[in-house]
């Protein structure tokens, strides 16, 4: 039986206000989201977690309807996490290159948006960066200047621990 506290596309989290949204690369990245969900649940099995990685189709080949559905699902859960939850980024290094798409293009946009929401609204934000993620030095520098209170983590487990800590505040 699937865990009722885990929300993946297109299962919406309608009855709970607080959740942890797992943000970060999907296409071209290893499935770090499954590892994060397992670890987060080992820390607190009552957490509500939204993971944008599709269980049924990880190929990235979506019809327009599936694509819009995915975007709507992500926006809904990001908004929920920005208001009363935690947005947890794991910036995993590229595992499989795709020539037709810049790696982590959506994640980089969402990271910038989340950074601004943290600066303006104090939205809870956790960022972890795997060694080898392209642009790591720039991201670390900008966060150290603009958001020194957002501690950048070096491992997925440490990133998850920080997300749970913020979730409980």
Foldseek 3Di string as FASTA:
>chain_A
DDQPLEAEPPRADDPDQEAEEEFEFQVQFDPVVVVLVVLLCVVPVVHRYYYHQDPPDSPPDDDPVVVVSSVVRVVVVVVSQQVQYEYFYEHGAGNGDDPVDDTGPVRVVVVVVSLVSCLPVVRHYEAEYEPRHPCVVVVVVCCVPRPVVHDYHHDSNVSSVVRVVVNVD
